Amino acid sequence: MKVNISSLQFKADVKLEDFVREKVGKLAQLYENVLGCDVILRLESASNNENKIAEIRLLIPGNDLFAKKQAKSFEEAVDNSVDALKRQLKRHKEKVKGM
């Protein structure tokens, strides 16, 4: 699975990119028809500490799945987004099997 990582308003280090690839790679193990993944990491100029945003678009046949989460760290935001996508993937698999 191809993973595209974009970081807006900052430069992502290699450790963060490896973490994202590892977490997103686990989604491909849940569903074999995953074509690819676009990850956008963004800093928001908010007054609170929760200014890190992770947006993940999972490319699958039919409709793409999308999750956007905001947290205190990019790792936490990516974790939360991946958890949301896992739930969406399970629902999608059940829907496809039901047809």
C-alpha atoms as a PDB file:
ATOM      1  CA  MET A   1       0.000   0.000   0.000  1.00  0.00           C
ATOM      2  CA  LYS A   2       1.288   3.422  -0.939  1.00  0.00           C
ATOM      3  CA  VAL A   3       1.256   6.025   1.849  1.00  0.00           C
ATOM      4  CA  ASN A   4       1.580   9.738   0.984  1.00  0.00           C
ATOM      5  CA  ILE A   5       2.476  11.930   3.962  1.00  0.00           C
ATOM      6  CA  SER A   6       2.176  15.715   3.757  1.00  0.00           C
ATOM      7  CA  SER A   7       3.081  18.042   6.592  1.00  0.00           C
ATOM      8  CA  LEU A   8       1.750  21.589   6.449  1.00  0.00           C
ATOM      9  CA  GLN A   9       3.358  24.514   8.311  1.00  0.00           C
ATOM     10  CA  PHE A  10       6.192  22.334   9.686  1.00  0.00           C
ATOM     11  CA  LYS A  11       8.751  19.714   8.615  1.00  0.00           C
ATOM     12  CA  ALA A  12       7.916  16.185   9.830  1.00  0.00           C
ATOM     13  CA  ASP A  13      10.915  14.221  11.072  1.00  0.00           C
ATOM     14  CA  VAL A  14      11.676  10.664   9.967  1.00  0.00           C
ATOM     15  CA  LYS A  15      10.546   9.177  13.295  1.00  0.00           C
ATOM     16  CA  LEU A  16       7.063  10.709  12.929  1.00  0.00           C
ATOM     17  CA  GLU A  17       6.763   9.537   9.312  1.00  0.00           C
ATOM     18  CA  ASP A  18       7.792   5.996  10.309  1.00  0.00           C
ATOM     19  CA  PHE A  19       5.211   6.030  13.102  1.00  0.00           C
ATOM     20  CA  VAL A  20       2.486   7.106  10.656  1.00  0.00           C
ATOM     21  CA  ARG A  21       3.472   4.424   8.114  1.00  0.00           C
ATOM     22  CA  GLU A  22       3.448   1.727  10.812  1.00  0.00           C
ATOM     23  CA  LYS A  23       0.014   2.721  12.142  1.00  0.00           C
ATOM     24  CA  VAL A  24      -1.579   3.132   8.721  1.00  0.00           C
ATOM     25  CA  GLY A  25       0.003  -0.097   7.489  1.00  0.00           C
ATOM     26  CA  LYS A  26      -2.041  -2.015  10.046  1.00  0.00           C
ATOM     27  CA  LEU A  27      -5.215  -0.869   8.261  1.00  0.00           C
ATOM     28  CA  ALA A  28      -4.107  -2.719   5.120  1.00  0.00           C
ATOM     29  CA  GLN A  29      -3.964  -5.941   7.161  1.00  0.00           C
ATOM     30  CA  LEU A  30      -7.629  -5.520   8.119  1.00  0.00           C
ATOM     31  CA  TYR A  31      -8.859  -5.123   4.549  1.00  0.00           C
ATOM     32  CA  GLU A  32      -6.991  -6.441   1.510  1.00  0.00           C
ATOM     33  CA  ASN A  33      -8.566  -4.010  -0.997  1.00  0.00           C
ATOM     34  CA  VAL A  34      -6.848  -0.885   0.384  1.00  0.00           C
ATOM     35  CA  LEU A  35      -5.294   0.901  -2.590  1.00  0.00           C
ATOM     36  CA  GLY A  36      -3.410   3.631  -0.779  1.00  0.00           C
ATOM     37  CA  CYS A  37      -3.534   6.296   1.869  1.00  0.00           C
ATOM     38  CA  ASP A  38      -3.096  10.079   2.041  1.00  0.00           C
ATOM     39  CA  VAL A  39      -2.042  11.525   5.402  1.00  0.00           C
ATOM     40  CA  ILE A  40      -2.000  15.258   6.109  1.00  0.00           C
ATOM     41  CA  LEU A  41      -0.370  16.467   9.321  1.00  0.00           C
ATOM     42  CA  ARG A  42      -1.122  20.083  10.138  1.00  0.00           C
ATOM     43  CA  LEU A  43      -0.421  22.595  12.883  1.00  0.00           C
ATOM     44  CA  GLU A  44      -3.317  24.871  13.733  1.00  0.00           C
ATOM     45  CA  SER A  45      -2.703  28.233  15.327  1.00  0.00           C
ATOM     46  CA  ALA A  46      -5.023  27.650  18.261  1.00  0.00           C
ATOM     47  CA  SER A  47      -4.612  29.118  21.723  1.00  0.00           C
ATOM     48  CA  ASN A  48      -4.853  25.702  23.422  1.00  0.00           C
ATOM     49  CA  ASN A  49      -2.371  22.812  23.370  1.00  0.00           C
ATOM     50  CA  GLU A  50      -4.525  20.609  21.128  1.00  0.00           C
ATOM     51  CA  ASN A  51      -3.335  22.193  17.895  1.00  0.00           C
ATOM     52  CA  LYS A  52      -2.020  19.125  16.045  1.00  0.00           C
ATOM     53  CA  ILE A  53      -4.354  17.735  13.365  1.00  0.00           C
ATOM     54  CA  ALA A  54      -4.100  14.444  11.484  1.00  0.00           C
ATOM     55  CA  GLU A  55      -6.278  13.864   8.418  1.00  0.00           C
ATOM     56  CA  ILE A  56      -6.209  10.390   6.862  1.00  0.00           C
ATOM     57  CA  ARG A  57      -7.954   9.438   3.621  1.00  0.00           C
ATOM     58  CA  LEU A  58      -8.000   5.692   2.995  1.00  0.00           C
ATOM     59  CA  LEU A  59      -8.346   4.859  -0.685  1.00  0.00           C
ATOM     60  CA  ILE A  60     -10.538   1.799  -1.275  1.00  0.00           C
ATOM     61  CA  PRO A  61     -12.668   0.728  -4.251  1.00  0.00           C
ATOM     62  CA  GLY A  62     -15.914   2.689  -4.237  1.00  0.00           C
ATOM     63  CA  ASN A  63     -16.014   5.452  -1.644  1.00  0.00           C
ATOM     64  CA  ASP A  64     -12.876   6.556   0.205  1.00  0.00           C
ATOM     65  CA  LEU A  65     -12.840   6.524   4.007  1.00  0.00           C
ATOM     66  CA  PHE A  66     -11.794   9.669   5.879  1.00  0.00           C
ATOM     67  CA  ALA A  67     -10.924  10.572   9.463  1.00  0.00           C
ATOM     68  CA  LYS A  68      -9.749  13.863  10.947  1.00  0.00           C
ATOM     69  CA  LYS A  69      -8.670  14.143  14.577  1.00  0.00           C
ATOM     70  CA  GLN A  70      -7.117  16.880  16.691  1.00  0.00           C
ATOM     71  CA  ALA A  71      -4.914  16.235  19.732  1.00  0.00           C
ATOM     72  CA  LYS A  72      -1.952  17.442  21.806  1.00  0.00           C
ATOM     73  CA  SER A  73       0.557  15.400  19.780  1.00  0.00           C
ATOM     74  CA  PHE A  74       0.669  14.125  16.229  1.00  0.00           C
ATOM     75  CA  GLU A  75       1.071  10.565  17.487  1.00  0.00           C
ATOM     76  CA  GLU A  76      -2.156  10.812  19.480  1.00  0.00           C
ATOM     77  CA  ALA A  77      -4.005  12.419  16.564  1.00  0.00           C
ATOM     78  CA  VAL A  78      -2.815   9.681  14.172  1.00  0.00           C
ATOM     79  CA  ASP A  79      -3.772   6.975  16.714  1.00  0.00           C
ATOM     80  CA  ASN A  80      -7.284   8.398  17.076  1.00  0.00           C
ATOM     81  CA  SER A  81      -7.700   8.731  13.298  1.00  0.00           C
ATOM     82  CA  VAL A  82      -6.564   5.148  12.711  1.00  0.00           C
ATOM     83  CA  ASP A  83      -9.013   3.908  15.371  1.00  0.00           C
ATOM     84  CA  ALA A  84     -11.844   5.767  13.642  1.00  0.00           C
ATOM     85  CA  LEU A  85     -10.818   4.291  10.281  1.00  0.00           C
ATOM     86  CA  LYS A  86     -10.734   0.778  11.778  1.00  0.00           C
ATOM     87  CA  ARG A  87     -14.384   1.166  12.792  1.00  0.00           C
ATOM     88  CA  GLN A  88     -15.270   2.520   9.346  1.00  0.00           C
ATOM     89  CA  LEU A  89     -13.438  -0.375   7.656  1.00  0.00           C
ATOM     90  CA  LYS A  90     -15.294  -2.948   9.748  1.00  0.00           C
ATOM     91  CA  ARG A  91     -18.631  -1.382   8.800  1.00  0.00           C
ATOM     92  CA  HIS A  92     -17.577  -1.248   5.144  1.00  0.00           C
ATOM     93  CA  LYS A  93     -16.528  -4.921   5.144  1.00  0.00           C
ATOM     94  CA  GLU A  94     -19.834  -5.957   6.714  1.00  0.00           C
ATOM     95  CA  LYS A  95     -21.722  -3.918   4.133  1.00  0.00           C
ATOM     96  CA  VAL A  96     -19.775  -5.477   1.234  1.00  0.00           C
ATOM     97  CA  LYS A  97     -20.253  -9.017   2.602  1.00  0.00           C
ATOM     98  CA  GLY A  98     -23.967  -8.390   3.070  1.00  0.00           C
ATOM     99  CA  MET A  99     -24.428  -7.682  -0.631  1.00  0.00           C
END
